[in-house]
Amino acid sequence: MLQAQTLLQRGCLWNTFVTVGHARAFLDLVCSQVPNVVPSLTKAMAENELDVAYRLMPAVDFSREVLAPQPHRLLAVPDTTSGWADLGSPTRVMDILTRNKIQPAWLRDGLGFSKPAG
């Protein structure tokens, strides 16, 4: 909680990416797109070798590689009150900051993202 408050005071952005569902549904989604992950973890848990399994596991973008290919299995609920914005790319982050006249310290210090030409 203290770290979150510190980051908020520094003007950092927070990615909430809230998903709700049954654990079995999430396991089914993962298994259908990255079939070796769940069996590897199951075996690692039985052998008390989770640290090894995590090191060997491929990095997976859950949103792009697991959810996006299966839109027929998802339900999206519009959120019109929280001010939600898709910040899935640096360009979108910069657009939101500009639109809301927010200039965090990292942007003032010249560490910001430059939009590609075009």
Protein backbone atom coordinates (compact mmCIF):
# COMPACT_ATOMS: atom_id res chain seq x y z
CA MET A 1 0.00 0.00 0.00
CA LEU A 2 2.81 2.43 0.85
CA GLN A 3 4.54 1.73 -2.46
CA ALA A 4 1.28 2.38 -4.35
CA GLN A 5 0.81 5.69 -2.54
CA THR A 6 4.40 6.72 -3.30
CA LEU A 7 4.01 5.86 -6.98
CA LEU A 8 0.72 7.75 -7.18
CA GLN A 9 2.32 10.84 -5.59
CA ARG A 10 5.14 10.66 -8.16
CA GLY A 11 2.58 10.75 -10.99
CA CYS A 12 3.01 7.12 -12.04
CA LEU A 13 0.30 5.30 -13.95
CA TRP A 14 -1.30 2.12 -12.65
CA ASN A 15 -2.42 -0.77 -14.82
CA THR A 16 -5.36 -2.45 -13.11
CA PHE A 17 -6.24 -4.99 -15.85
CA VAL A 18 -9.09 -6.53 -13.90
CA THR A 19 -10.32 -9.94 -14.97
CA VAL A 20 -12.99 -11.94 -13.20
CA GLY A 21 -13.82 -15.57 -13.75
CA HIS A 22 -13.63 -19.10 -12.45
CA ALA A 23 -10.13 -20.51 -12.01
CA ARG A 24 -11.07 -23.44 -14.26
CA ALA A 25 -12.06 -21.04 -17.06
CA PHE A 26 -8.70 -19.26 -16.84
CA LEU A 27 -6.85 -22.59 -16.82
CA ASP A 28 -8.80 -23.69 -19.91
CA LEU A 29 -7.95 -20.42 -21.68
CA VAL A 30 -4.26 -20.78 -20.86
CA CYS A 31 -4.15 -24.47 -21.79
CA SER A 32 -5.73 -23.80 -25.17
CA GLN A 33 -3.12 -21.19 -26.11
CA VAL A 34 -0.01 -22.25 -24.16
CA PRO A 35 -0.57 -25.97 -23.66
CA ASN A 36 2.65 -26.87 -21.84
CA VAL A 37 2.43 -24.30 -19.05
CA VAL A 38 -0.18 -25.87 -16.76
CA PRO A 39 1.17 -29.47 -16.97
CA SER A 40 4.69 -28.13 -16.31
CA LEU A 41 3.49 -26.26 -13.24
CA THR A 42 1.49 -29.25 -12.00
CA LYS A 43 4.56 -31.48 -12.31
CA ALA A 44 6.78 -28.86 -10.67
CA MET A 45 4.39 -28.53 -7.72
CA ALA A 46 4.38 -32.30 -7.22
CA GLU A 47 8.19 -32.34 -7.28
CA ASN A 48 8.55 -29.12 -5.24
CA GLU A 49 10.51 -27.52 -8.11
CA LEU A 50 8.44 -24.41 -8.88
CA ASP A 51 11.50 -22.14 -9.08
CA VAL A 52 12.95 -24.30 -11.87
CA ALA A 53 9.62 -24.43 -13.72
CA TYR A 54 9.23 -20.64 -13.60
CA ARG A 55 12.75 -20.11 -14.95
CA LEU A 56 12.08 -22.48 -17.87
CA MET A 57 8.59 -21.18 -18.63
CA PRO A 58 8.22 -18.94 -21.67
CA ALA A 59 7.12 -15.35 -21.13
CA VAL A 60 3.51 -14.99 -22.28
CA ASP A 61 1.51 -11.81 -22.79
CA PHE A 62 -1.73 -12.96 -21.17
CA SER A 63 -3.89 -10.35 -22.84
CA ARG A 64 -2.43 -10.66 -26.35
CA GLU A 65 -1.51 -14.34 -26.49
CA VAL A 66 -4.21 -15.95 -24.34
CA LEU A 67 -7.30 -13.72 -24.28
CA ALA A 68 -7.22 -11.92 -27.65
CA PRO A 69 -7.23 -15.09 -29.80
CA GLN A 70 -10.39 -16.30 -28.03
CA PRO A 71 -12.88 -13.40 -28.06
CA HIS A 72 -15.78 -15.86 -28.39
CA ARG A 73 -14.97 -17.08 -24.86
CA LEU A 74 -14.89 -13.64 -23.25
CA LEU A 75 -17.44 -11.17 -21.99
CA ALA A 76 -16.51 -7.51 -21.67
CA VAL A 77 -18.50 -5.27 -19.37
CA PRO A 78 -18.32 -1.55 -20.19
CA ASP A 79 -17.10 0.62 -17.35
CA THR A 80 -18.40 4.14 -17.85
CA THR A 81 -17.70 5.54 -14.37
CA SER A 82 -14.08 4.82 -13.48
CA GLY A 83 -12.38 6.73 -16.26
CA TRP A 84 -10.88 3.60 -17.77
CA ALA A 85 -8.49 4.02 -20.68
CA ASP A 86 -6.55 1.45 -22.66
CA LEU A 87 -2.90 2.23 -21.95
CA GLY A 88 -1.55 -0.74 -23.89
CA SER A 89 1.13 1.21 -25.74
CA PRO A 90 3.48 4.13 -25.03
CA THR A 91 1.63 6.21 -27.63
CA ARG A 92 -1.68 5.75 -25.80
CA VAL A 93 -0.04 6.68 -22.48
CA MET A 94 1.37 9.88 -23.97
CA ASP A 95 -1.99 10.75 -25.58
CA ILE A 96 -3.83 10.37 -22.25
CA LEU A 97 -1.21 12.42 -20.41
CA THR A 98 -1.37 15.18 -23.01
CA ARG A 99 -5.18 15.20 -23.14
CA ASN A 100 -5.37 15.50 -19.34
CA LYS A 101 -2.54 18.05 -19.13
CA ILE A 102 -0.50 15.74 -16.90
CA GLN A 103 3.26 16.08 -16.97
CA PRO A 104 4.94 13.60 -14.59
CA ALA A 105 8.50 14.24 -13.46
CA TRP A 106 9.93 11.62 -15.82
CA LEU A 107 8.35 13.48 -18.73
CA ARG A 108 9.53 16.91 -17.54
CA ASP A 109 13.04 15.50 -17.19
CA GLY A 110 13.05 14.48 -20.86
CA LEU A 111 12.66 10.75 -20.25
CA GLY A 112 9.36 10.52 -22.12
CA PHE A 113 8.41 8.53 -25.17
CA SER A 114 8.73 10.07 -28.63
CA LYS A 115 5.88 9.28 -31.00
CA PRO A 116 6.98 7.64 -34.26
CA ALA A 117 6.76 9.88 -37.33
CA GLY A 118 3.81 9.34 -39.62
